[in-house]
Amino acid sequence: MASEAALLQPVVNAGLILAAAVTLLAGYRVIKGPTVPDRMVALDTIGTNVVAIAALFALATGRGLFVTVSLVLAIIGFISTIAVSQYVIEGDIIE
């Protein structure tokens, strides 16, 4: 059991570093994105990466609270993506 945890820890740390790096790249696209859909996709990517970071942090620390946080962030990200997409397509969120 201890060897599995020792093997998992470097993988989780590498995942955290990779997710943070991709989040920074997506932040650059949010700032420099040439079009609004590019910025929307970058923001959705950031939301997805934050969910992944919370889940990986839950694995690293063994705290189940971060799994709940990641689920709530995923739901909020999904709803906000739908709302922004509706606004870009229709010009209004609620008809």
C-alpha atoms as a PDB file:
ATOM      1  CA  MET A   1       0.000   0.000   0.000  1.00  0.00           C
ATOM      2  CA  ALA A   2       2.809   2.389   0.826  1.00  0.00           C
ATOM      3  CA  SER A   3       4.511   1.694  -2.503  1.00  0.00           C
ATOM      4  CA  GLU A   4       1.305   2.572  -4.390  1.00  0.00           C
ATOM      5  CA  ALA A   5       1.096   5.896  -2.587  1.00  0.00           C
ATOM      6  CA  ALA A   6       4.776   6.545  -3.256  1.00  0.00           C
ATOM      7  CA  LEU A   7       4.209   5.804  -6.944  1.00  0.00           C
ATOM      8  CA  LEU A   8       1.069   7.942  -7.134  1.00  0.00           C
ATOM      9  CA  GLN A   9       2.550  11.077  -5.557  1.00  0.00           C
ATOM     10  CA  PRO A  10       4.986  11.986  -8.405  1.00  0.00           C
ATOM     11  CA  VAL A  11       2.248  11.384 -10.976  1.00  0.00           C
ATOM     12  CA  VAL A  12      -0.152  13.658  -9.106  1.00  0.00           C
ATOM     13  CA  ASN A  13       2.536  16.321  -8.761  1.00  0.00           C
ATOM     14  CA  ALA A  14       3.311  16.120 -12.492  1.00  0.00           C
ATOM     15  CA  GLY A  15      -0.406  16.424 -13.236  1.00  0.00           C
ATOM     16  CA  LEU A  16      -0.683  19.495 -11.019  1.00  0.00           C
ATOM     17  CA  ILE A  17       2.264  21.152 -12.771  1.00  0.00           C
ATOM     18  CA  LEU A  18       0.901  20.295 -16.216  1.00  0.00           C
ATOM     19  CA  ALA A  19      -2.599  21.560 -15.388  1.00  0.00           C
ATOM     20  CA  ALA A  20      -1.151  24.793 -13.994  1.00  0.00           C
ATOM     21  CA  ALA A  21       0.961  25.328 -17.116  1.00  0.00           C
ATOM     22  CA  VAL A  22      -2.009  24.733 -19.426  1.00  0.00           C
ATOM     23  CA  THR A  23      -4.080  27.124 -17.319  1.00  0.00           C
ATOM     24  CA  LEU A  24      -1.457  29.825 -17.805  1.00  0.00           C
ATOM     25  CA  LEU A  25      -1.467  29.235 -21.570  1.00  0.00           C
ATOM     26  CA  ALA A  26      -5.260  29.461 -21.619  1.00  0.00           C
ATOM     27  CA  GLY A  27      -4.997  32.711 -19.647  1.00  0.00           C
ATOM     28  CA  TYR A  28      -2.808  34.091 -22.396  1.00  0.00           C
ATOM     29  CA  ARG A  29      -5.485  33.130 -24.953  1.00  0.00           C
ATOM     30  CA  VAL A  30      -8.138  34.869 -22.853  1.00  0.00           C
ATOM     31  CA  ILE A  31      -6.098  38.074 -22.931  1.00  0.00           C
ATOM     32  CA  LYS A  32      -4.887  37.918 -26.539  1.00  0.00           C
ATOM     33  CA  GLY A  33      -7.687  35.895 -28.119  1.00  0.00           C
ATOM     34  CA  PRO A  34      -8.554  37.444 -31.444  1.00  0.00           C
ATOM     35  CA  THR A  35     -12.256  36.594 -31.277  1.00  0.00           C
ATOM     36  CA  VAL A  36     -14.889  36.197 -28.588  1.00  0.00           C
ATOM     37  CA  PRO A  37     -15.336  32.432 -29.209  1.00  0.00           C
ATOM     38  CA  ASP A  38     -11.574  31.969 -28.718  1.00  0.00           C
ATOM     39  CA  ARG A  39     -11.822  33.682 -25.366  1.00  0.00           C
ATOM     40  CA  MET A  40     -14.883  31.606 -24.417  1.00  0.00           C
ATOM     41  CA  VAL A  41     -13.090  28.360 -25.188  1.00  0.00           C
ATOM     42  CA  ALA A  42     -10.063  29.538 -23.204  1.00  0.00           C
ATOM     43  CA  LEU A  43     -12.245  30.410 -20.213  1.00  0.00           C
ATOM     44  CA  ASP A  44     -13.924  27.006 -20.417  1.00  0.00           C
ATOM     45  CA  THR A  45     -10.483  25.410 -20.524  1.00  0.00           C
ATOM     46  CA  ILE A  46      -9.448  27.344 -17.420  1.00  0.00           C
ATOM     47  CA  GLY A  47     -12.582  26.156 -15.620  1.00  0.00           C
ATOM     48  CA  THR A  48     -11.899  22.562 -16.590  1.00  0.00           C
ATOM     49  CA  ASN A  49      -8.279  22.854 -15.460  1.00  0.00           C
ATOM     50  CA  VAL A  50      -9.321  24.283 -12.101  1.00  0.00           C
ATOM     51  CA  VAL A  51     -11.614  21.279 -11.633  1.00  0.00           C
ATOM     52  CA  ALA A  52      -8.701  18.971 -12.492  1.00  0.00           C
ATOM     53  CA  ILE A  53      -6.394  20.820 -10.096  1.00  0.00           C
ATOM     54  CA  ALA A  54      -8.953  20.486  -7.281  1.00  0.00           C
ATOM     55  CA  ALA A  55      -9.355  16.762  -7.959  1.00  0.00           C
ATOM     56  CA  LEU A  56      -5.583  16.212  -8.109  1.00  0.00           C
ATOM     57  CA  PHE A  57      -5.159  18.203  -4.903  1.00  0.00           C
ATOM     58  CA  ALA A  58      -7.765  15.942  -3.283  1.00  0.00           C
ATOM     59  CA  LEU A  59      -5.688  12.946  -4.360  1.00  0.00           C
ATOM     60  CA  ALA A  60      -2.473  14.507  -3.078  1.00  0.00           C
ATOM     61  CA  THR A  61      -3.828  15.509   0.309  1.00  0.00           C
ATOM     62  CA  GLY A  62      -6.435  12.799   0.838  1.00  0.00           C
ATOM     63  CA  ARG A  63      -9.132  15.331   1.678  1.00  0.00           C
ATOM     64  CA  GLY A  64     -12.518  14.509   0.231  1.00  0.00           C
ATOM     65  CA  LEU A  65     -13.708  18.100   0.494  1.00  0.00           C
ATOM     66  CA  PHE A  66     -11.798  19.021  -2.654  1.00  0.00           C
ATOM     67  CA  VAL A  67     -13.705  16.400  -4.641  1.00  0.00           C
ATOM     68  CA  THR A  68     -16.921  18.160  -3.647  1.00  0.00           C
ATOM     69  CA  VAL A  69     -15.368  21.505  -4.564  1.00  0.00           C
ATOM     70  CA  SER A  70     -14.360  20.155  -7.965  1.00  0.00           C
ATOM     71  CA  LEU A  71     -17.881  18.841  -8.619  1.00  0.00           C
ATOM     72  CA  VAL A  72     -19.452  22.185  -7.714  1.00  0.00           C
ATOM     73  CA  LEU A  73     -16.930  24.023  -9.914  1.00  0.00           C
ATOM     74  CA  ALA A  74     -17.715  21.674 -12.801  1.00  0.00           C
ATOM     75  CA  ILE A  75     -21.436  22.366 -12.481  1.00  0.00           C
ATOM     76  CA  ILE A  76     -20.874  26.124 -12.298  1.00  0.00           C
ATOM     77  CA  GLY A  77     -18.522  25.978 -15.290  1.00  0.00           C
ATOM     78  CA  PHE A  78     -21.049  24.032 -17.344  1.00  0.00           C
ATOM     79  CA  ILE A  79     -23.885  26.434 -16.569  1.00  0.00           C
ATOM     80  CA  SER A  80     -21.736  29.513 -17.238  1.00  0.00           C
ATOM     81  CA  THR A  81     -20.541  28.090 -20.556  1.00  0.00           C
ATOM     82  CA  ILE A  82     -24.124  27.483 -21.648  1.00  0.00           C
ATOM     83  CA  ALA A  83     -25.147  30.987 -20.546  1.00  0.00           C
ATOM     84  CA  VAL A  84     -22.275  32.731 -22.340  1.00  0.00           C
ATOM     85  CA  SER A  85     -22.812  30.655 -25.479  1.00  0.00           C
ATOM     86  CA  GLN A  86     -26.493  31.549 -25.456  1.00  0.00           C
ATOM     87  CA  TYR A  87     -25.590  35.225 -25.056  1.00  0.00           C
ATOM     88  CA  VAL A  88     -23.123  35.150 -27.957  1.00  0.00           C
ATOM     89  CA  ILE A  89     -25.519  33.290 -30.266  1.00  0.00           C
ATOM     90  CA  GLU A  90     -28.818  34.961 -29.377  1.00  0.00           C
ATOM     91  CA  GLY A  91     -27.700  38.228 -27.796  1.00  0.00           C
ATOM     92  CA  ASP A  92     -29.766  37.427 -24.704  1.00  0.00           C
ATOM     93  CA  ILE A  93     -29.556  34.708 -22.068  1.00  0.00           C
ATOM     94  CA  ILE A  94     -33.258  34.365 -21.234  1.00  0.00           C
ATOM     95  CA  GLU A  95     -35.798  34.934 -23.962  1.00  0.00           C
END
